[in-house]
């Protein structure tokens, strides 16, 4: 199974345009931190959900990628199709 990350964007199409293959949670953290270096903390995965709108290579399963920043906690910054934290 290929593992993907995509940034949270206004539309699914815009989000899917940012889809990148990843191999680990470290890859996910690096991509999130590319948005604004040294801005996000506590990057983690939570809450599995089904989204049948995603293309076949993504699959129908998604997980939220959440982060803390600017005094806010658990803000959605992206999505993955695999829960890397279950491997840890």
PDB file of N, CA and C in Angstrom:
ATOM      1  N   UNK A   1       0.842  -1.190   0.000  1.00  0.00           N
ATOM      2  CA  UNK A   1       0.000   0.000   0.000  1.00  0.00           C
ATOM      3  C   UNK A   1       0.883   1.248   0.000  1.00  0.00           C
ATOM      4  N   UNK A   2       0.604   2.149  -0.911  1.00  0.00           N
ATOM      5  CA  UNK A   2       1.337   3.417  -0.954  1.00  0.00           C
ATOM      6  C   UNK A   2       0.721   4.360   0.070  1.00  0.00           C
ATOM      7  N   UNK A   3       1.569   5.108   0.739  1.00  0.00           N
ATOM      8  CA  UNK A   3       1.120   6.007   1.812  1.00  0.00           C
ATOM      9  C   UNK A   3       1.268   7.456   1.350  1.00  0.00           C
ATOM     10  N   UNK A   4       0.213   8.230   1.590  1.00  0.00           N
ATOM     11  CA  UNK A   4       0.187   9.599   1.091  1.00  0.00           C
ATOM     12  C   UNK A   4      -0.163  10.603   2.183  1.00  0.00           C
ATOM     13  N   UNK A   5       0.326  11.821   1.978  1.00  0.00           N
ATOM     14  CA  UNK A   5      -0.038  12.987   2.783  1.00  0.00           C
ATOM     15  C   UNK A   5      -0.550  14.048   1.824  1.00  0.00           C
ATOM     16  N   UNK A   6      -1.517  14.833   2.283  1.00  0.00           N
ATOM     17  CA  UNK A   6      -1.965  16.009   1.528  1.00  0.00           C
ATOM     18  C   UNK A   6      -2.286  17.114   2.521  1.00  0.00           C
ATOM     19  N   UNK A   7      -2.022  18.348   2.129  1.00  0.00           N
ATOM     20  CA  UNK A   7      -2.318  19.500   2.986  1.00  0.00           C
ATOM     21  C   UNK A   7      -3.808  19.777   3.034  1.00  0.00           C
ATOM     22  N   UNK A   8      -4.251  20.358   4.126  1.00  0.00           N
ATOM     23  CA  UNK A   8      -5.632  20.825   4.239  1.00  0.00           C
ATOM     24  C   UNK A   8      -5.760  22.074   3.366  1.00  0.00           C
ATOM     25  N   UNK A   9      -6.736  22.076   2.494  1.00  0.00           N
ATOM     26  CA  UNK A   9      -7.001  23.213   1.610  1.00  0.00           C
ATOM     27  C   UNK A   9      -8.502  23.437   1.529  1.00  0.00           C
ATOM     28  N   UNK A  10      -8.912  24.494   0.881  1.00  0.00           N
ATOM     29  CA  UNK A  10     -10.316  24.875   0.808  1.00  0.00           C
ATOM     30  C   UNK A  10     -11.206  23.872   0.093  1.00  0.00           C
ATOM     31  N   UNK A  11     -10.687  23.246  -0.953  1.00  0.00           N
ATOM     32  CA  UNK A  11     -11.484  22.253  -1.676  1.00  0.00           C
ATOM     33  C   UNK A  11     -10.712  20.934  -1.724  1.00  0.00           C
ATOM     34  N   UNK A  12     -11.428  19.852  -1.937  1.00  0.00           N
ATOM     35  CA  UNK A  12     -10.776  18.559  -2.068  1.00  0.00           C
ATOM     36  C   UNK A  12      -9.800  18.571  -3.240  1.00  0.00           C
ATOM     37  N   UNK A  13     -10.187  19.177  -4.339  1.00  0.00           N
ATOM     38  CA  UNK A  13      -9.317  19.247  -5.510  1.00  0.00           C
ATOM     39  C   UNK A  13      -8.009  19.971  -5.178  1.00  0.00           C
ATOM     40  N   UNK A  14      -8.106  21.105  -4.494  1.00  0.00           N
ATOM     41  CA  UNK A  14      -6.904  21.848  -4.099  1.00  0.00           C
ATOM     42  C   UNK A  14      -6.037  21.019  -3.159  1.00  0.00           C
ATOM     43  N   UNK A  15      -6.673  20.311  -2.246  1.00  0.00           N
ATOM     44  CA  UNK A  15      -5.948  19.463  -1.310  1.00  0.00           C
ATOM     45  C   UNK A  15      -5.253  18.316  -2.039  1.00  0.00           C
ATOM     46  N   UNK A  16      -5.949  17.665  -2.945  1.00  0.00           N
ATOM     47  CA  UNK A  16      -5.372  16.529  -3.671  1.00  0.00           C
ATOM     48  C   UNK A  16      -4.202  16.971  -4.550  1.00  0.00           C
ATOM     49  N   UNK A  17      -4.204  18.226  -4.994  1.00  0.00           N
ATOM     50  CA  UNK A  17      -3.078  18.741  -5.775  1.00  0.00           C
ATOM     51  C   UNK A  17      -1.782  18.756  -4.969  1.00  0.00           C
ATOM     52  N   UNK A  18      -1.879  18.713  -3.642  1.00  0.00           N
ATOM     53  CA  UNK A  18      -0.693  18.744  -2.781  1.00  0.00           C
ATOM     54  C   UNK A  18      -0.276  17.351  -2.326  1.00  0.00           C
ATOM     55  N   UNK A  19      -0.923  16.306  -2.816  1.00  0.00           N
ATOM     56  CA  UNK A  19      -0.662  14.940  -2.371  1.00  0.00           C
ATOM     57  C   UNK A  19       0.776  14.528  -2.670  1.00  0.00           C
ATOM     58  N   UNK A  20       1.422  13.965  -1.645  1.00  0.00           N
ATOM     59  CA  UNK A  20       2.793  13.478  -1.795  1.00  0.00           C
ATOM     60  C   UNK A  20       2.927  12.120  -1.122  1.00  0.00           C
ATOM     61  N   UNK A  21       3.713  11.263  -1.703  1.00  0.00           N
ATOM     62  CA  UNK A  21       3.960   9.965  -1.083  1.00  0.00           C
ATOM     63  C   UNK A  21       4.907  10.151   0.103  1.00  0.00           C
ATOM     64  N   UNK A  22       4.631   9.462   1.203  1.00  0.00           N
ATOM     65  CA  UNK A  22       5.451   9.512   2.412  1.00  0.00           C
ATOM     66  C   UNK A  22       5.734   8.095   2.884  1.00  0.00           C
ATOM     67  N   UNK A  23       6.799   7.950   3.676  1.00  0.00           N
ATOM     68  CA  UNK A  23       7.183   6.643   4.192  1.00  0.00           C
ATOM     69  C   UNK A  23       7.075   6.532   5.698  1.00  0.00           C
ATOM     70  N   UNK A  24       6.983   7.681   6.392  1.00  0.00           N
ATOM     71  CA  UNK A  24       7.015   7.656   7.855  1.00  0.00           C
ATOM     72  C   UNK A  24       6.361   8.908   8.433  1.00  0.00           C
ATOM     73  N   UNK A  25       6.170   8.874   9.745  1.00  0.00           N
ATOM     74  CA  UNK A  25       5.641  10.052  10.438  1.00  0.00           C
ATOM     75  C   UNK A  25       6.644  11.205  10.347  1.00  0.00           C
ATOM     76  N   UNK A  26       7.927  10.906  10.316  1.00  0.00           N
ATOM     77  CA  UNK A  26       8.927  11.964  10.142  1.00  0.00           C
ATOM     78  C   UNK A  26       8.744  12.681   8.805  1.00  0.00           C
ATOM     79  N   UNK A  27       8.426  11.938   7.753  1.00  0.00           N
ATOM     80  CA  UNK A  27       8.140  12.563   6.456  1.00  0.00           C
ATOM     81  C   UNK A  27       6.953  13.505   6.553  1.00  0.00           C
ATOM     82  N   UNK A  28       5.906  13.077   7.258  1.00  0.00           N
ATOM     83  CA  UNK A  28       4.712  13.907   7.437  1.00  0.00           C
ATOM     84  C   UNK A  28       5.084  15.188   8.181  1.00  0.00           C
ATOM     85  N   UNK A  29       5.844  15.057   9.254  1.00  0.00           N
ATOM     86  CA  UNK A  29       6.244  16.236  10.040  1.00  0.00           C
ATOM     87  C   UNK A  29       7.080  17.203   9.207  1.00  0.00           C
ATOM     88  N   UNK A  30       7.977  16.670   8.376  1.00  0.00           N
ATOM     89  CA  UNK A  30       8.783  17.539   7.511  1.00  0.00           C
ATOM     90  C   UNK A  30       7.904  18.322   6.542  1.00  0.00           C
ATOM     91  N   UNK A  31       6.914  17.660   5.951  1.00  0.00           N
ATOM     92  CA  UNK A  31       6.025  18.346   5.009  1.00  0.00           C
ATOM     93  C   UNK A  31       5.193  19.420   5.709  1.00  0.00           C
ATOM     94  N   UNK A  32       4.685  19.119   6.891  1.00  0.00           N
ATOM     95  CA  UNK A  32       3.909  20.120   7.636  1.00  0.00           C
ATOM     96  C   UNK A  32       4.789  21.316   7.952  1.00  0.00           C
ATOM     97  N   UNK A  33       6.016  21.065   8.369  1.00  0.00           N
ATOM     98  CA  UNK A  33       6.914  22.169   8.727  1.00  0.00           C
ATOM     99  C   UNK A  33       7.423  22.944   7.521  1.00  0.00           C
ATOM    100  N   UNK A  34       7.232  22.416   6.310  1.00  0.00           N
ATOM    101  CA  UNK A  34       7.574  23.184   5.108  1.00  0.00           C
ATOM    102  C   UNK A  34       6.639  24.381   4.938  1.00  0.00           C
ATOM    103  N   UNK A  35       5.423  24.275   5.470  1.00  0.00           N
ATOM    104  CA  UNK A  35       4.469  25.390   5.346  1.00  0.00           C
ATOM    105  C   UNK A  35       5.033  26.648   5.987  1.00  0.00           C
ATOM    106  N   UNK A  36       5.414  26.555   7.245  1.00  0.00           N
ATOM    107  CA  UNK A  36       6.036  27.657   7.985  1.00  0.00           C
ATOM    108  C   UNK A  36       7.035  27.010   8.953  1.00  0.00           C
ATOM    109  N   UNK A  37       8.325  27.072   8.650  1.00  0.00           N
ATOM    110  CA  UNK A  37       9.319  26.419   9.506  1.00  0.00           C
ATOM    111  C   UNK A  37       9.239  26.875  10.966  1.00  0.00           C
ATOM    112  N   UNK A  38       9.396  25.917  11.876  1.00  0.00           N
ATOM    113  CA  UNK A  38       9.435  26.160  13.327  1.00  0.00           C
ATOM    114  C   UNK A  38       8.168  26.815  13.860  1.00  0.00           C
ATOM    115  N   UNK A  39       7.036  26.577  13.241  1.00  0.00           N
ATOM    116  CA  UNK A  39       5.769  27.181  13.660  1.00  0.00           C
ATOM    117  C   UNK A  39       4.855  26.163  14.328  1.00  0.00           C
ATOM    118  N   UNK A  40       4.839  24.942  13.822  1.00  0.00           N
ATOM    119  CA  UNK A  40       3.927  23.916  14.310  1.00  0.00           C
ATOM    120  C   UNK A  40       4.607  23.044  15.361  1.00  0.00           C
ATOM    121  N   UNK A  41       3.812  22.575  16.319  1.00  0.00           N
ATOM    122  CA  UNK A  41       4.306  21.626  17.313  1.00  0.00           C
ATOM    123  C   UNK A  41       3.246  20.554  17.525  1.00  0.00           C
ATOM    124  N   UNK A  42       3.646  19.494  18.201  1.00  0.00           N
ATOM    125  CA  UNK A  42       2.723  18.409  18.540  1.00  0.00           C
ATOM    126  C   UNK A  42       1.970  17.893  17.307  1.00  0.00           C
ATOM    127  N   UNK A  43       2.689  17.654  16.240  1.00  0.00           N
ATOM    128  CA  UNK A  43       2.083  17.137  15.004  1.00  0.00           C
ATOM    129  C   UNK A  43       1.751  15.666  15.226  1.00  0.00           C
ATOM    130  N   UNK A  44       0.487  15.315  15.015  1.00  0.00           N
ATOM    131  CA  UNK A  44       0.054  13.947  15.277  1.00  0.00           C
ATOM    132  C   UNK A  44      -1.146  13.573  14.414  1.00  0.00           C
ATOM    133  N   UNK A  45      -1.479  12.290  14.428  1.00  0.00           N
ATOM    134  CA  UNK A  45      -2.573  11.744  13.615  1.00  0.00           C
ATOM    135  C   UNK A  45      -3.707  11.329  14.532  1.00  0.00           C
ATOM    136  N   UNK A  46      -4.936  11.600  14.077  1.00  0.00           N
ATOM    137  CA  UNK A  46      -6.089  11.196  14.876  1.00  0.00           C
ATOM    138  C   UNK A  46      -7.321  11.037  13.998  1.00  0.00           C
ATOM    139  N   UNK A  47      -8.235  10.234  14.463  1.00  0.00           N
ATOM    140  CA  UNK A  47      -9.587  10.093  13.913  1.00  0.00           C
ATOM    141  C   UNK A  47      -9.639   9.608  12.466  1.00  0.00           C
ATOM    142  N   UNK A  48      -9.778   8.323  12.330  1.00  0.00           N
ATOM    143  CA  UNK A  48      -9.970   7.693  11.026  1.00  0.00           C
ATOM    144  C   UNK A  48     -11.366   8.031  10.501  1.00  0.00           C
ATOM    145  N   UNK A  49     -11.453   8.336   9.211  1.00  0.00           N
ATOM    146  CA  UNK A  49     -12.753   8.564   8.593  1.00  0.00           C
ATOM    147  C   UNK A  49     -12.725   8.091   7.150  1.00  0.00           C
ATOM    148  N   UNK A  50     -13.867   7.886   6.595  1.00  0.00           N
ATOM    149  CA  UNK A  50     -14.005   7.425   5.219  1.00  0.00           C
ATOM    150  C   UNK A  50     -14.391   8.596   4.329  1.00  0.00           C
ATOM    151  N   UNK A  51     -13.694   8.729   3.217  1.00  0.00           N
ATOM    152  CA  UNK A  51     -14.006   9.782   2.246  1.00  0.00           C
ATOM    153  C   UNK A  51     -13.978   9.179   0.842  1.00  0.00           C
ATOM    154  N   UNK A  52     -15.128   8.726   0.346  1.00  0.00           N
ATOM    155  CA  UNK A  52     -15.173   8.065  -0.959  1.00  0.00           C
ATOM    156  C   UNK A  52     -14.877   8.997  -2.135  1.00  0.00           C
ATOM    157  N   UNK A  53     -14.740  10.302  -1.892  1.00  0.00           N
ATOM    158  CA  UNK A  53     -14.435  11.245  -2.971  1.00  0.00           C
ATOM    159  C   UNK A  53     -12.973  11.172  -3.412  1.00  0.00           C
ATOM    160  N   UNK A  54     -12.116  10.579  -2.582  1.00  0.00           N
ATOM    161  CA  UNK A  54     -10.686  10.525  -2.891  1.00  0.00           C
ATOM    162  C   UNK A  54     -10.407   9.574  -4.046  1.00  0.00           C
ATOM    163  N   UNK A  55      -9.342   9.842  -4.807  1.00  0.00           N
ATOM    164  CA  UNK A  55      -9.016   8.969  -5.940  1.00  0.00           C
ATOM    165  C   UNK A  55      -8.598   7.573  -5.479  1.00  0.00           C
ATOM    166  N   UNK A  56      -8.633   6.634  -6.397  1.00  0.00           N
ATOM    167  CA  UNK A  56      -8.322   5.235  -6.071  1.00  0.00           C
ATOM    168  C   UNK A  56      -6.971   5.066  -5.397  1.00  0.00           C
ATOM    169  N   UNK A  57      -5.935   5.787  -5.857  1.00  0.00           N
ATOM    170  CA  UNK A  57      -4.609   5.603  -5.265  1.00  0.00           C
ATOM    171  C   UNK A  57      -4.561   6.056  -3.806  1.00  0.00           C
ATOM    172  N   UNK A  58      -5.442   6.961  -3.408  1.00  0.00           N
ATOM    173  CA  UNK A  58      -5.515   7.395  -2.013  1.00  0.00           C
ATOM    174  C   UNK A  58      -6.274   6.370  -1.189  1.00  0.00           C
ATOM    175  N   UNK A  59      -7.306   5.797  -1.766  1.00  0.00           N
ATOM    176  CA  UNK A  59      -8.180   4.890  -1.015  1.00  0.00           C
ATOM    177  C   UNK A  59      -9.279   5.698  -0.340  1.00  0.00           C
ATOM    178  N   UNK A  60     -10.195   5.032   0.308  1.00  0.00           N
ATOM    179  CA  UNK A  60     -11.316   5.730   0.944  1.00  0.00           C
ATOM    180  C   UNK A  60     -11.050   6.085   2.401  1.00  0.00           C
ATOM    181  N   UNK A  61      -9.963   5.605   2.985  1.00  0.00           N
ATOM    182  CA  UNK A  61      -9.678   5.862   4.395  1.00  0.00           C
ATOM    183  C   UNK A  61      -8.740   7.054   4.534  1.00  0.00           C
ATOM    184  N   UNK A  62      -9.072   7.942   5.459  1.00  0.00           N
ATOM    185  CA  UNK A  62      -8.232   9.101   5.754  1.00  0.00           C
ATOM    186  C   UNK A  62      -8.110   9.268   7.260  1.00  0.00           C
ATOM    187  N   UNK A  63      -7.059   9.960   7.659  1.00  0.00           N
ATOM    188  CA  UNK A  63      -6.836  10.340   9.052  1.00  0.00           C
ATOM    189  C   UNK A  63      -6.473  11.818   9.065  1.00  0.00           C
ATOM    190  N   UNK A  64      -6.912  12.530  10.084  1.00  0.00           N
ATOM    191  CA  UNK A  64      -6.545  13.932  10.243  1.00  0.00           C
ATOM    192  C   UNK A  64      -5.098  14.038  10.717  1.00  0.00           C
ATOM    193  N   UNK A  65      -4.354  14.980  10.163  1.00  0.00           N
ATOM    194  CA  UNK A  65      -3.043  15.360  10.694  1.00  0.00           C
ATOM    195  C   UNK A  65      -3.274  16.671  11.433  1.00  0.00           C
ATOM    196  N   UNK A  66      -3.045  16.649  12.734  1.00  0.00           N
ATOM    197  CA  UNK A  66      -3.319  17.794  13.589  1.00  0.00           C
ATOM    198  C   UNK A  66      -2.026  18.369  14.130  1.00  0.00           C
ATOM    199  N   UNK A  67      -2.059  19.665  14.460  1.00  0.00           N
ATOM    200  CA  UNK A  67      -0.887  20.324  15.031  1.00  0.00           C
ATOM    201  C   UNK A  67      -1.335  21.467  15.940  1.00  0.00           C
ATOM    202  N   UNK A  68      -0.435  21.865  16.801  1.00  0.00           N
ATOM    203  CA  UNK A  68      -0.648  23.028  17.667  1.00  0.00           C
ATOM    204  C   UNK A  68       0.141  24.195  17.082  1.00  0.00           C
ATOM    205  N   UNK A  69      -0.445  25.393  17.149  1.00  0.00           N
ATOM    206  CA  UNK A  69       0.261  26.601  16.726  1.00  0.00           C
ATOM    207  C   UNK A  69      -0.499  27.824  17.196  1.00  0.00           C
ATOM    208  N   UNK A  70       0.230  28.891  17.455  1.00  0.00           N
ATOM    209  CA  UNK A  70      -0.359  30.185  17.817  1.00  0.00           C
ATOM    210  C   UNK A  70      -1.340  30.100  18.985  1.00  0.00           C
ATOM    211  N   UNK A  71      -1.112  29.209  19.940  1.00  0.00           N
ATOM    212  CA  UNK A  71      -2.010  29.057  21.072  1.00  0.00           C
ATOM    213  C   UNK A  71      -3.202  28.151  20.816  1.00  0.00           C
ATOM    214  N   UNK A  72      -3.361  27.671  19.607  1.00  0.00           N
ATOM    215  CA  UNK A  72      -4.444  26.747  19.256  1.00  0.00           C
ATOM    216  C   UNK A  72      -3.924  25.311  19.322  1.00  0.00           C
ATOM    217  N   UNK A  73      -4.795  24.388  19.676  1.00  0.00           N
ATOM    218  CA  UNK A  73      -4.395  22.987  19.745  1.00  0.00           C
ATOM    219  C   UNK A  73      -5.242  22.144  18.794  1.00  0.00           C
ATOM    220  N   UNK A  74      -4.652  21.061  18.342  1.00  0.00           N
ATOM    221  CA  UNK A  74      -5.347  20.086  17.494  1.00  0.00           C
ATOM    222  C   UNK A  74      -6.032  20.707  16.280  1.00  0.00           C
ATOM    223  N   UNK A  75      -5.293  21.537  15.551  1.00  0.00           N
ATOM    224  CA  UNK A  75      -5.808  22.155  14.336  1.00  0.00           C
ATOM    225  C   UNK A  75      -5.437  21.292  13.137  1.00  0.00           C
ATOM    226  N   UNK A  76      -6.379  21.079  12.241  1.00  0.00           N
ATOM    227  CA  UNK A  76      -6.129  20.237  11.073  1.00  0.00           C
ATOM    228  C   UNK A  76      -5.214  20.977  10.090  1.00  0.00           C
ATOM    229  N   UNK A  77      -4.081  20.325   9.773  1.00  0.00           N
ATOM    230  CA  UNK A  77      -3.146  20.893   8.796  1.00  0.00           C
ATOM    231  C   UNK A  77      -3.019  20.002   7.563  1.00  0.00           C
ATOM    232  N   UNK A  78      -3.598  18.798   7.632  1.00  0.00           N
ATOM    233  CA  UNK A  78      -3.531  17.892   6.493  1.00  0.00           C
ATOM    234  C   UNK A  78      -4.185  16.559   6.785  1.00  0.00           C
ATOM    235  N   UNK A  79      -3.935  15.621   5.864  1.00  0.00           N
ATOM    236  CA  UNK A  79      -4.536  14.292   5.949  1.00  0.00           C
ATOM    237  C   UNK A  79      -3.523  13.254   5.475  1.00  0.00           C
ATOM    238  N   UNK A  80      -3.636  12.052   5.999  1.00  0.00           N
ATOM    239  CA  UNK A  80      -2.870  10.912   5.517  1.00  0.00           C
ATOM    240  C   UNK A  80      -3.831   9.758   5.276  1.00  0.00           C
ATOM    241  N   UNK A  81      -3.389   8.796   4.486  1.00  0.00           N
ATOM    242  CA  UNK A  81      -4.230   7.624   4.247  1.00  0.00           C
ATOM    243  C   UNK A  81      -3.732   6.413   5.030  1.00  0.00           C
ATOM    244  N   UNK A  82      -2.823   6.663   6.001  1.00  0.00           N
ATOM    245  CA  UNK A  82      -2.247   5.595   6.800  1.00  0.00           C
ATOM    246  C   UNK A  82      -1.908   6.176   8.172  1.00  0.00           C
ATOM    247  N   UNK A  83      -2.157   5.423   9.231  1.00  0.00           N
ATOM    248  CA  UNK A  83      -1.852   5.906  10.575  1.00  0.00           C
ATOM    249  C   UNK A  83      -0.479   5.418  10.994  1.00  0.00           C
ATOM    250  N   UNK A  84       0.544   6.238  10.773  1.00  0.00           N
ATOM    251  CA  UNK A  84       1.907   5.894  11.122  1.00  0.00           C
ATOM    252  C   UNK A  84       2.096   5.701  12.614  1.00  0.00           C
ATOM    253  N   UNK A  85       1.289   6.372  13.426  1.00  0.00           N
ATOM    254  CA  UNK A  85       1.433   6.280  14.873  1.00  0.00           C
ATOM    255  C   UNK A  85       1.073   4.893  15.391  1.00  0.00           C
ATOM    256  N   UNK A  86       0.303   4.129  14.644  1.00  0.00           N
ATOM    257  CA  UNK A  86      -0.004   2.752  15.057  1.00  0.00           C
ATOM    258  C   UNK A  86       1.231   1.864  14.924  1.00  0.00           C
ATOM    259  N   UNK A  87       2.211   2.276  14.137  1.00  0.00           N
ATOM    260  CA  UNK A  87       3.454   1.513  13.952  1.00  0.00           C
ATOM    261  C   UNK A  87       4.441   1.736  15.092  1.00  0.00           C
ATOM    262  N   UNK A  88       4.268   2.826  15.829  1.00  0.00           N
ATOM    263  CA  UNK A  88       5.244   3.198  16.863  1.00  0.00           C
ATOM    264  C   UNK A  88       5.073   2.372  18.114  1.00  0.00           C
TER     265      UNK A  88
END
